[in-house]
N, C-alpha and C. Protein backbone atom coordinates (compact mmCIF):
# COMPACT_ATOMS: atom_id res chain seq x y z
N MET A 1 11.89 12.84 -17.17
CA MET A 1 11.40 11.52 -17.63
C MET A 1 12.49 10.65 -18.54
N ARG A 2 12.73 11.32 -19.47
CA ARG A 2 13.52 10.44 -20.53
C ARG A 2 14.74 10.87 -20.82
N ASP A 3 15.62 10.42 -21.36
CA ASP A 3 17.17 10.51 -21.24
C ASP A 3 17.16 10.71 -22.82
N GLY A 4 17.30 11.54 -23.77
CA GLY A 4 17.97 11.05 -25.08
C GLY A 4 16.43 10.30 -25.70
N GLY A 5 15.32 10.54 -25.57
CA GLY A 5 14.39 10.21 -25.83
C GLY A 5 13.91 8.63 -25.44
N ARG A 6 14.52 7.99 -24.39
CA ARG A 6 14.33 6.68 -24.18
C ARG A 6 13.88 6.99 -22.55
N MET A 7 12.63 5.79 -22.24
CA MET A 7 11.87 6.18 -20.72
C MET A 7 12.75 4.93 -20.10
N HIS A 8 13.14 5.11 -18.84
CA HIS A 8 13.62 4.33 -17.91
C HIS A 8 12.23 3.83 -17.05
N ALA A 9 13.34 2.33 -16.74
CA ALA A 9 11.96 1.40 -15.87
C ALA A 9 11.73 2.63 -14.91
N LYS A 10 12.25 2.98 -14.04
CA LYS A 10 12.07 3.89 -12.71
C LYS A 10 11.07 4.65 -13.29
N ASP A 11 10.72 5.49 -14.37
CA ASP A 11 9.64 6.11 -14.85
C ASP A 11 8.23 5.55 -14.77
N ILE A 12 8.14 3.88 -15.25
CA ILE A 12 7.28 3.60 -15.34
C ILE A 12 6.97 3.10 -13.93
N LEU A 13 7.66 2.68 -13.27
CA LEU A 13 7.31 2.39 -11.81
C LEU A 13 6.83 3.74 -10.72
N ILE A 14 7.23 4.67 -11.34
CA ILE A 14 6.80 5.99 -10.71
C ILE A 14 5.20 6.24 -11.26
N ASP A 15 5.46 6.08 -12.32
CA ASP A 15 3.92 6.24 -12.79
C ASP A 15 2.77 5.30 -12.53
N ALA A 16 3.09 3.83 -12.49
CA ALA A 16 2.57 3.03 -11.82
C ALA A 16 1.63 3.01 -10.42
N PHE A 17 3.10 3.57 -9.37
CA PHE A 17 2.43 4.29 -7.97
C PHE A 17 1.52 4.99 -8.11
N SER A 18 1.99 6.01 -8.74
CA SER A 18 1.29 7.45 -8.91
C SER A 18 0.07 6.66 -9.11
N ARG A 19 -0.60 5.62 -10.38
CA ARG A 19 -1.91 5.52 -10.63
C ARG A 19 -2.54 4.88 -9.26
N ILE A 20 -1.68 4.16 -8.42
CA ILE A 20 -2.26 3.67 -7.06
C ILE A 20 -2.80 4.96 -6.10
N GLN A 21 -1.94 5.79 -6.23
CA GLN A 21 -2.19 6.81 -5.26
C GLN A 21 -3.75 7.08 -5.48
N GLU A 22 -3.61 7.98 -7.20
CA GLU A 22 -5.05 8.28 -7.53
C GLU A 22 -6.28 7.47 -7.24
N GLU A 23 -6.09 6.08 -7.38
CA GLU A 23 -6.98 5.14 -7.12
C GLU A 23 -7.49 4.84 -5.20
N VAL A 24 -6.44 5.24 -4.83
CA VAL A 24 -6.60 4.96 -3.38
C VAL A 24 -7.55 6.17 -3.11
N HIS A 25 -7.18 7.51 -3.63
CA HIS A 25 -7.92 8.70 -3.11
C HIS A 25 -9.42 8.81 -3.56
N ALA A 26 -9.58 7.83 -4.96
CA ALA A 26 -10.76 7.75 -5.73
C ALA A 26 -11.42 7.12 -4.43
N VAL A 27 -10.90 6.04 -4.31
CA VAL A 27 -11.87 4.97 -3.27
C VAL A 27 -12.37 5.30 -1.87
N VAL A 28 -11.28 5.85 -1.50
CA VAL A 28 -11.96 6.50 -0.04
C VAL A 28 -12.41 7.97 0.14
N GLY A 29 -12.22 8.66 -0.81
CA GLY A 29 -12.97 9.66 -0.66
C GLY A 29 -14.69 10.07 -0.70
N GLY A 30 -15.02 11.05 0.41
CA GLY A 30 -16.31 10.55 0.19
C GLY A 30 -16.95 9.73 1.30
N LEU A 31 -16.39 8.75 1.69
CA LEU A 31 -17.17 7.69 2.63
C LEU A 31 -16.75 8.13 3.80
N SER A 32 -17.73 7.80 4.62
CA SER A 32 -18.33 8.04 5.88
C SER A 32 -17.28 6.72 6.53
N PRO A 33 -16.98 7.20 7.99
CA PRO A 33 -16.48 6.30 8.89
C PRO A 33 -17.33 4.64 8.55
N GLU A 34 -18.43 4.87 8.62
CA GLU A 34 -19.35 3.61 8.85
C GLU A 34 -19.15 2.88 7.32
N ASP A 35 -18.87 3.62 6.02
CA ASP A 35 -18.87 3.52 4.93
C ASP A 35 -17.40 2.58 4.78
N LEU A 36 -16.62 3.21 5.59
CA LEU A 36 -15.06 2.54 5.53
C LEU A 36 -15.11 1.29 6.40
N ASP A 37 -15.74 1.01 7.28
CA ASP A 37 -15.40 -0.26 8.23
C ASP A 37 -16.77 -1.46 7.71
N ALA A 38 -17.62 -1.04 6.55
CA ALA A 38 -18.51 -1.60 6.13
C ALA A 38 -17.73 -2.80 5.47
N ARG A 39 -18.44 -3.92 6.08
CA ARG A 39 -17.91 -5.43 5.29
C ARG A 39 -19.26 -6.09 4.65
N PRO A 40 -18.87 -6.33 3.47
CA PRO A 40 -19.96 -6.97 2.56
C PRO A 40 -20.57 -8.30 3.34
N SER A 41 -19.89 -9.22 3.90
CA SER A 41 -20.23 -9.94 4.72
C SER A 41 -19.42 -10.37 5.90
N ALA A 42 -19.50 -11.05 6.61
CA ALA A 42 -18.78 -11.10 8.13
C ALA A 42 -17.90 -11.77 7.82
N ASP A 43 -17.01 -12.06 6.91
CA ASP A 43 -15.64 -12.56 6.94
C ASP A 43 -15.01 -11.52 5.69
N ALA A 44 -15.66 -10.61 5.07
CA ALA A 44 -15.06 -9.98 3.78
C ALA A 44 -14.15 -8.70 4.53
N ASN A 45 -13.49 -8.13 3.92
CA ASN A 45 -13.03 -7.49 3.87
C ASN A 45 -13.46 -5.75 3.91
N SER A 46 -13.28 -5.05 4.68
CA SER A 46 -14.02 -3.53 4.71
C SER A 46 -12.76 -2.85 3.79
N VAL A 47 -13.23 -1.33 3.06
CA VAL A 47 -12.21 -0.56 2.28
C VAL A 47 -11.14 -0.08 3.36
N ALA A 48 -11.70 0.21 4.49
CA ALA A 48 -10.46 0.78 5.68
C ALA A 48 -9.60 -0.43 5.46
N TRP A 49 -9.54 -1.71 5.70
CA TRP A 49 -8.73 -2.50 5.96
C TRP A 49 -8.29 -2.70 4.64
N LEU A 50 -8.57 -2.94 3.54
CA LEU A 50 -8.46 -3.36 2.33
C LEU A 50 -6.94 -2.22 2.05
N VAL A 51 -7.33 -0.66 2.15
CA VAL A 51 -6.53 0.43 1.61
C VAL A 51 -5.55 0.17 3.04
N TRP A 52 -5.76 0.26 4.34
CA TRP A 52 -4.58 0.38 5.68
C TRP A 52 -3.85 -0.84 4.73
N HIS A 53 -4.07 -2.37 4.44
CA HIS A 53 -3.43 -3.44 4.42
C HIS A 53 -2.41 -3.58 2.76
N LEU A 54 -3.25 -2.61 1.78
CA LEU A 54 -2.27 -2.20 0.90
C LEU A 54 -1.08 -1.23 0.94
N THR A 55 -1.21 -0.24 1.94
CA THR A 55 -0.61 0.54 2.19
C THR A 55 0.73 0.14 3.43
N ARG A 56 0.43 -0.98 4.29
CA ARG A 56 1.30 -1.30 5.05
C ARG A 56 2.29 -2.61 4.33
N VAL A 57 1.64 -3.24 3.06
CA VAL A 57 2.23 -4.04 2.32
C VAL A 57 3.67 -3.13 1.68
N GLN A 58 3.17 -1.77 1.35
CA GLN A 58 4.14 -1.00 0.28
C GLN A 58 4.77 -0.70 0.94
N ASP A 59 4.43 -0.46 2.12
CA ASP A 59 5.74 0.47 3.25
C ASP A 59 6.56 -0.42 3.72
N ASP A 60 6.24 -1.61 4.30
CA ASP A 60 7.34 -2.85 4.80
C ASP A 60 8.19 -3.30 3.58
N HIS A 61 7.30 -3.37 2.49
CA HIS A 61 8.35 -4.07 1.28
C HIS A 61 9.53 -3.23 0.47
N VAL A 62 8.92 -2.08 0.58
CA VAL A 62 10.06 -1.05 -0.11
C VAL A 62 10.76 -0.33 1.12
N ALA A 63 10.51 -0.36 2.34
CA ALA A 63 11.22 0.00 2.95
C ALA A 63 12.56 -0.60 3.28
N ASP A 64 11.81 -2.12 3.71
CA ASP A 64 12.83 -3.46 3.63
C ASP A 64 13.88 -3.35 2.61
N ALA A 65 13.45 -3.53 1.41
CA ALA A 65 14.21 -3.51 0.09
C ALA A 65 15.05 -2.34 -0.06
N ALA A 66 14.64 -0.96 0.26
CA ALA A 66 15.44 0.03 -0.11
C ALA A 66 16.47 0.17 1.48
N GLY A 67 16.09 -0.50 2.25
CA GLY A 67 17.08 0.05 3.66
C GLY A 67 16.75 1.03 4.66
N LEU A 68 15.39 1.25 4.33
CA LEU A 68 14.84 2.51 5.13
C LEU A 68 13.99 2.04 6.69
N ASP A 69 13.43 3.01 7.15
CA ASP A 69 12.34 2.53 8.37
C ASP A 69 11.28 2.58 7.48
N GLN A 70 10.61 1.81 8.34
CA GLN A 70 8.81 2.26 7.51
C GLN A 70 8.31 3.20 8.24
N VAL A 71 7.63 4.11 7.51
CA VAL A 71 6.76 5.08 7.67
C VAL A 71 5.92 5.04 8.93
N TRP A 72 5.15 3.76 8.90
CA TRP A 72 4.31 3.48 9.77
C TRP A 72 5.01 3.63 11.31
N LEU A 73 5.78 3.48 11.26
CA LEU A 73 6.52 3.68 13.07
C LEU A 73 7.74 4.94 12.61
N ALA A 74 8.62 5.28 11.89
CA ALA A 74 8.90 6.52 11.72
C ALA A 74 8.08 7.74 11.76
N GLN A 75 6.94 7.43 11.10
CA GLN A 75 6.06 9.23 11.52
C GLN A 75 4.91 8.84 12.24
N ASP A 76 5.23 7.79 13.31
CA ASP A 76 3.96 7.11 14.56
C ASP A 76 2.55 7.06 13.54
N TRP A 77 2.74 6.56 12.72
CA TRP A 77 1.22 6.17 12.10
C TRP A 77 0.58 5.03 12.83
N GLU A 78 1.45 4.43 12.99
CA GLU A 78 0.92 3.19 14.07
C GLU A 78 0.26 3.93 15.32
N LYS A 79 0.80 5.05 16.11
CA LYS A 79 -0.13 5.46 17.17
C LYS A 79 -1.33 6.06 16.70
N ARG A 80 -0.90 6.68 15.41
CA ARG A 80 -2.31 7.78 14.92
C ARG A 80 -3.72 6.77 14.82
N PHE A 81 -3.23 5.59 14.23
CA PHE A 81 -4.41 4.76 13.98
C PHE A 81 -4.57 4.03 15.47
N GLY A 82 -3.78 3.48 16.00
CA GLY A 82 -4.32 3.16 17.12
C GLY A 82 -5.05 1.50 16.99
N LEU A 83 -4.57 0.61 16.33
CA LEU A 83 -5.33 -0.26 16.12
C LEU A 83 -5.21 -1.59 17.29
N GLY A 84 -3.99 -1.55 17.86
CA GLY A 84 -3.74 -3.01 19.03
C GLY A 84 -3.38 -3.93 18.33
N LEU A 85 -2.56 -3.60 17.08
CA LEU A 85 -2.53 -5.00 16.16
C LEU A 85 -0.72 -4.60 16.31
N PRO A 86 -0.14 -5.81 16.64
CA PRO A 86 1.50 -5.94 16.70
C PRO A 86 1.98 -4.48 15.76
N ARG A 87 3.24 -4.21 16.07
CA ARG A 87 3.99 -2.92 15.53
C ARG A 87 3.86 -3.27 14.26
N HIS A 88 4.61 -4.32 13.72
CA HIS A 88 5.34 -4.39 11.83
C HIS A 88 4.15 -5.14 11.45
N ASP A 89 2.53 -5.56 12.02
CA ASP A 89 2.01 -6.38 11.38
C ASP A 89 1.21 -5.42 10.11
N THR A 90 0.88 -6.12 8.97
CA THR A 90 0.87 -5.40 7.90
C THR A 90 -0.62 -6.22 7.15
N GLY A 91 -0.99 -7.26 8.12
CA GLY A 91 -2.59 -7.76 8.03
C GLY A 91 -2.28 -8.89 7.02
N TYR A 92 -1.21 -9.50 6.33
CA TYR A 92 -1.23 -10.50 5.64
C TYR A 92 -1.56 -11.96 6.61
N GLY A 93 -2.64 -12.75 6.51
CA GLY A 93 -3.15 -13.63 7.32
C GLY A 93 -4.04 -13.58 8.10
N HIS A 94 -4.72 -12.03 8.07
CA HIS A 94 -5.71 -11.82 9.09
C HIS A 94 -6.58 -12.45 9.33
N SER A 95 -7.23 -12.99 10.18
CA SER A 95 -8.24 -13.50 10.73
C SER A 95 -9.82 -12.21 10.51
N SER A 96 -11.03 -12.88 10.44
CA SER A 96 -11.76 -12.15 10.60
C SER A 96 -12.24 -10.88 11.69
N GLN A 97 -11.48 -11.43 13.07
CA GLN A 97 -11.68 -10.60 14.01
C GLN A 97 -10.37 -9.37 14.01
N GLN A 98 -9.57 -10.13 13.20
CA GLN A 98 -7.92 -8.84 13.33
C GLN A 98 -8.59 -7.69 12.04
N VAL A 99 -9.04 -8.51 11.18
CA VAL A 99 -10.04 -7.50 10.18
C VAL A 99 -10.89 -6.62 10.63
N ALA A 100 -11.47 -7.04 11.73
CA ALA A 100 -12.76 -5.76 12.50
C ALA A 100 -11.75 -4.31 13.22
N LYS A 101 -10.40 -4.81 13.55
CA LYS A 101 -9.52 -4.22 14.13
C LYS A 101 -9.14 -2.87 13.54
N VAL A 102 -9.33 -3.12 12.40
CA VAL A 102 -9.04 -1.85 11.66
C VAL A 102 -9.97 -0.75 11.24
N HIS A 103 -9.88 0.01 12.15
CA HIS A 103 -11.11 0.92 12.33
C HIS A 103 -10.61 2.63 12.27
N VAL A 104 -11.11 3.15 11.24
CA VAL A 104 -10.83 4.16 11.02
C VAL A 104 -11.87 5.65 11.20
N ASP A 105 -11.61 6.90 11.92
CA ASP A 105 -12.74 7.88 12.09
C ASP A 105 -12.92 8.75 10.96
N SER A 106 -11.64 8.42 9.98
CA SER A 106 -12.05 9.27 8.40
C SER A 106 -11.25 8.80 7.55
N GLY A 107 -11.25 9.01 6.15
CA GLY A 107 -10.73 8.50 5.42
C GLY A 107 -9.46 9.60 5.47
N ASP A 108 -9.12 10.52 6.19
CA ASP A 108 -8.11 11.44 5.88
C ASP A 108 -6.56 10.64 6.44
N LEU A 109 -7.31 10.12 7.74
CA LEU A 109 -6.48 9.09 8.39
C LEU A 109 -5.71 7.91 7.23
N LEU A 110 -6.59 7.42 6.58
CA LEU A 110 -5.94 6.44 5.59
C LEU A 110 -5.14 7.35 4.09
N THR A 111 -5.69 8.08 3.73
CA THR A 111 -4.84 8.78 2.51
C THR A 111 -3.96 9.57 2.97
N GLY A 112 -3.77 10.04 3.97
CA GLY A 112 -2.29 10.45 4.84
C GLY A 112 -1.33 9.42 4.79
N TYR A 113 -1.89 8.43 5.66
CA TYR A 113 -0.81 7.18 5.83
C TYR A 113 -0.13 6.97 4.13
N TYR A 114 -1.19 7.12 3.16
CA TYR A 114 -0.75 6.09 2.33
C TYR A 114 0.10 7.36 1.49
N ASP A 115 -0.51 8.67 1.10
CA ASP A 115 0.46 9.44 0.80
C ASP A 115 1.70 9.50 1.58
N ALA A 116 2.20 9.47 2.55
CA ALA A 116 3.23 9.18 3.38
C ALA A 116 4.23 8.32 2.66
N VAL A 117 3.79 7.28 2.70
CA VAL A 117 4.05 6.20 2.44
C VAL A 117 4.47 6.15 1.03
N HIS A 118 4.02 6.54 -0.30
CA HIS A 118 3.76 7.43 -1.21
C HIS A 118 4.79 8.08 -1.58
N GLU A 119 5.25 9.20 -0.74
CA GLU A 119 6.29 9.82 -0.73
C GLU A 119 7.58 9.37 -0.98
N GLN A 120 7.55 8.31 0.45
CA GLN A 120 8.87 7.72 0.65
C GLN A 120 9.42 6.70 -0.66
N THR A 121 8.20 5.98 -0.87
CA THR A 121 8.41 5.53 -2.14
C THR A 121 8.70 5.94 -3.35
N LEU A 122 8.10 7.37 -3.83
CA LEU A 122 8.78 8.36 -4.75
C LEU A 122 10.17 8.56 -4.75
N GLY A 123 10.48 8.98 -3.27
CA GLY A 123 12.15 9.22 -3.26
C GLY A 123 12.71 8.14 -3.49
N VAL A 124 12.49 6.73 -3.00
CA VAL A 124 13.21 5.55 -3.86
C VAL A 124 13.37 5.86 -5.28
N LEU A 125 12.60 5.75 -5.69
CA LEU A 125 12.26 5.20 -7.33
C LEU A 125 13.18 6.29 -8.11
N ARG A 126 12.79 7.60 -7.28
CA ARG A 126 13.76 8.61 -8.23
C ARG A 126 15.44 8.11 -7.95
N GLU A 127 15.56 7.78 -7.34
CA GLU A 127 17.36 7.52 -7.27
C GLU A 127 17.91 6.08 -7.47
N VAL A 128 16.65 5.29 -7.83
CA VAL A 128 16.83 3.96 -8.52
C VAL A 128 17.70 3.75 -9.62
N THR A 129 18.42 2.68 -9.62
CA THR A 129 18.97 2.62 -11.14
C THR A 129 19.07 1.22 -11.43
N ALA A 130 18.96 0.88 -12.85
CA ALA A 130 18.87 -0.28 -13.39
C ALA A 130 19.78 -1.13 -12.55
N LYS A 131 20.74 -1.25 -11.82
CA LYS A 131 21.59 -2.23 -11.07
C LYS A 131 20.88 -2.19 -9.84
N ASP A 132 20.40 -1.33 -9.46
CA ASP A 132 19.50 -1.32 -7.99
C ASP A 132 18.39 -2.42 -8.16
N LEU A 133 17.94 -2.25 -9.36
CA LEU A 133 16.69 -3.28 -9.48
C LEU A 133 16.87 -4.40 -9.77
N GLU A 134 18.39 -5.07 -10.17
CA GLU A 134 18.27 -6.17 -10.25
C GLU A 134 19.12 -6.88 -8.85
N ARG A 135 19.33 -5.86 -7.78
CA ARG A 135 19.99 -6.27 -6.60
C ARG A 135 19.10 -7.32 -5.96
N VAL A 136 19.27 -8.34 -5.45
CA VAL A 136 18.67 -9.32 -4.62
C VAL A 136 18.50 -8.97 -3.69
N VAL A 137 16.93 -8.80 -2.87
CA VAL A 137 16.13 -8.26 -1.85
C VAL A 137 15.94 -9.47 -0.91
N ASP A 138 15.93 -10.65 -1.76
CA ASP A 138 15.13 -11.94 -0.76
C ASP A 138 15.60 -13.10 -1.21
N GLU A 139 16.37 -13.99 -0.67
CA GLU A 139 16.72 -15.10 -0.75
C GLU A 139 16.31 -16.50 -0.20
N ARG A 140 15.00 -16.03 0.10
CA ARG A 140 13.96 -17.31 0.65
C ARG A 140 13.28 -17.81 -0.63
N TRP A 141 13.23 -17.24 -1.90
CA TRP A 141 12.59 -17.61 -2.97
C TRP A 141 13.38 -18.33 -3.83
N THR A 142 12.81 -19.29 -4.72
CA THR A 142 13.54 -19.61 -6.15
C THR A 142 13.05 -19.34 -7.11
N PRO A 143 13.60 -18.62 -8.33
CA PRO A 143 14.74 -17.84 -7.86
C PRO A 143 14.57 -16.50 -6.82
N ALA A 144 15.71 -16.07 -6.17
CA ALA A 144 15.83 -15.16 -5.25
C ALA A 144 15.11 -13.85 -6.08
N VAL A 145 14.14 -13.02 -5.13
CA VAL A 145 13.69 -11.85 -5.56
C VAL A 145 14.37 -10.74 -5.46
N THR A 146 14.31 -10.10 -6.78
CA THR A 146 15.53 -8.67 -7.14
C THR A 146 14.58 -7.62 -6.32
N PHE A 147 15.41 -6.51 -6.12
CA PHE A 147 14.37 -5.25 -6.09
C PHE A 147 13.27 -4.92 -7.16
N GLY A 148 13.75 -5.01 -8.16
CA GLY A 148 12.64 -5.20 -8.91
C GLY A 148 11.36 -5.65 -8.97
N VAL A 149 11.33 -6.84 -8.83
CA VAL A 149 10.78 -8.19 -8.92
C VAL A 149 10.05 -7.52 -7.57
N ARG A 150 10.57 -7.09 -6.50
CA ARG A 150 10.03 -7.06 -5.23
C ARG A 150 8.84 -5.92 -5.56
N LEU A 151 9.22 -4.66 -6.49
CA LEU A 151 8.52 -3.74 -7.12
C LEU A 151 7.13 -3.98 -7.28
N VAL A 152 7.35 -4.81 -8.24
CA VAL A 152 6.27 -5.46 -9.14
C VAL A 152 5.37 -6.33 -8.45
N SER A 153 5.97 -6.96 -7.23
CA SER A 153 4.90 -7.54 -6.51
C SER A 153 4.19 -6.74 -5.81
N VAL A 154 4.65 -5.46 -5.21
CA VAL A 154 3.88 -4.37 -4.39
C VAL A 154 2.78 -3.69 -5.26
N LEU A 155 3.54 -3.94 -6.66
CA LEU A 155 2.18 -3.06 -7.45
C LEU A 155 1.07 -4.08 -7.68
N ALA A 156 1.32 -5.08 -7.85
CA ALA A 156 0.53 -6.42 -8.53
C ALA A 156 -0.58 -6.33 -6.98
N ASP A 157 -0.03 -6.38 -5.89
CA ASP A 157 -0.36 -6.50 -4.51
C ASP A 157 -1.47 -5.26 -4.11
N ASP A 158 -1.01 -3.78 -4.50
CA ASP A 158 -1.55 -3.04 -4.34
C ASP A 158 -2.83 -2.69 -5.06
N LEU A 159 -2.50 -3.33 -6.53
CA LEU A 159 -3.80 -3.01 -7.53
C LEU A 159 -4.78 -3.95 -6.91
N GLN A 160 -4.50 -4.62 -7.12
CA GLN A 160 -5.62 -6.18 -6.50
C GLN A 160 -6.49 -5.61 -5.34
N HIS A 161 -5.58 -5.13 -4.48
CA HIS A 161 -6.65 -4.80 -3.11
C HIS A 161 -7.09 -3.48 -3.47
N VAL A 162 -6.90 -2.01 -4.09
CA VAL A 162 -7.46 -1.56 -4.45
C VAL A 162 -8.48 -1.43 -5.38
N GLY A 163 -8.55 -2.49 -6.02
CA GLY A 163 -9.68 -2.76 -7.11
C GLY A 163 -10.76 -3.22 -6.21
N GLN A 164 -10.37 -4.23 -4.95
CA GLN A 164 -10.83 -4.72 -4.22
C GLN A 164 -11.88 -3.86 -3.65
N ALA A 165 -11.05 -2.60 -2.89
CA ALA A 165 -12.02 -1.74 -2.10
C ALA A 165 -12.85 -0.94 -2.95
N ALA A 166 -12.56 -0.47 -4.08
CA ALA A 166 -13.35 -0.10 -5.40
C ALA A 166 -15.00 -0.78 -5.16
N TYR A 167 -14.33 -2.13 -5.28
CA TYR A 167 -16.00 -3.02 -5.51
C TYR A 167 -16.73 -3.03 -4.11
N VAL A 168 -16.13 -3.13 -3.21
CA VAL A 168 -16.78 -3.00 -1.81
C VAL A 168 -17.49 -1.22 -1.62
N ARG A 169 -16.93 -0.56 -2.37
CA ARG A 169 -17.70 0.86 -2.36
C ARG A 169 -18.59 0.70 -3.26
N GLY A 170 -18.53 -0.01 -4.12
CA GLY A 170 -19.73 0.02 -5.19
C GLY A 170 -20.78 -0.94 -4.71
N LEU A 171 -20.32 -1.90 -3.79
CA LEU A 171 -21.58 -2.53 -3.13
C LEU A 171 -22.46 -1.80 -2.28
N LEU A 172 -21.42 -0.44 -1.55
CA LEU A 172 -22.32 0.32 -0.37
C LEU A 172 -23.25 1.28 -1.22
N GLY A 173 -23.02 1.53 -2.53
CA GLY A 173 -23.96 2.29 -3.56
C GLY A 173 -23.09 3.57 -3.37
N ALA A 174 -22.21 3.94 -2.89
CA ALA A 174 -21.41 4.92 -3.02
C ALA A 174 -20.07 5.26 -3.69
N GLY A 175 -20.70 4.73 -5.00
CA GLY A 175 -20.00 5.03 -6.13
C GLY A 175 -19.17 3.83 -7.38
């Protein structure tokens, strides 16, 4: 991790994404399919939707910025989930009806997909250089978004959603 006693940005990013992986496993672990699908109110998000969505966003954004295929499509997770949503759907802007489509038969499906995305993310991060982090990956914003900023954005989104999932889990009395 250290070169001459210095920590590199990629080491911090690897640590941060690894913490999200731990939280995903903690929030999903031991929940029944019914608990994973439970919504605190008619228009609220379920644990399943929140974890699926944060994983889809990480998969989509990291793959796009790194010039890779999404794990969702390349490893057939889209078919394994069988949600009946558009192939590239990440959950952004979902209606209550679309949230309800994200149903899983077990937490293993969610954590399996997250772990596969996490491995691809770590593979990218292990090879990333400081110059890579400065590369512009999205010019639709002012200022343009660099790879480093995109990764921080994904981290922020992941942390929000895994925290929300933990809150829903707590409402269910599941810990």
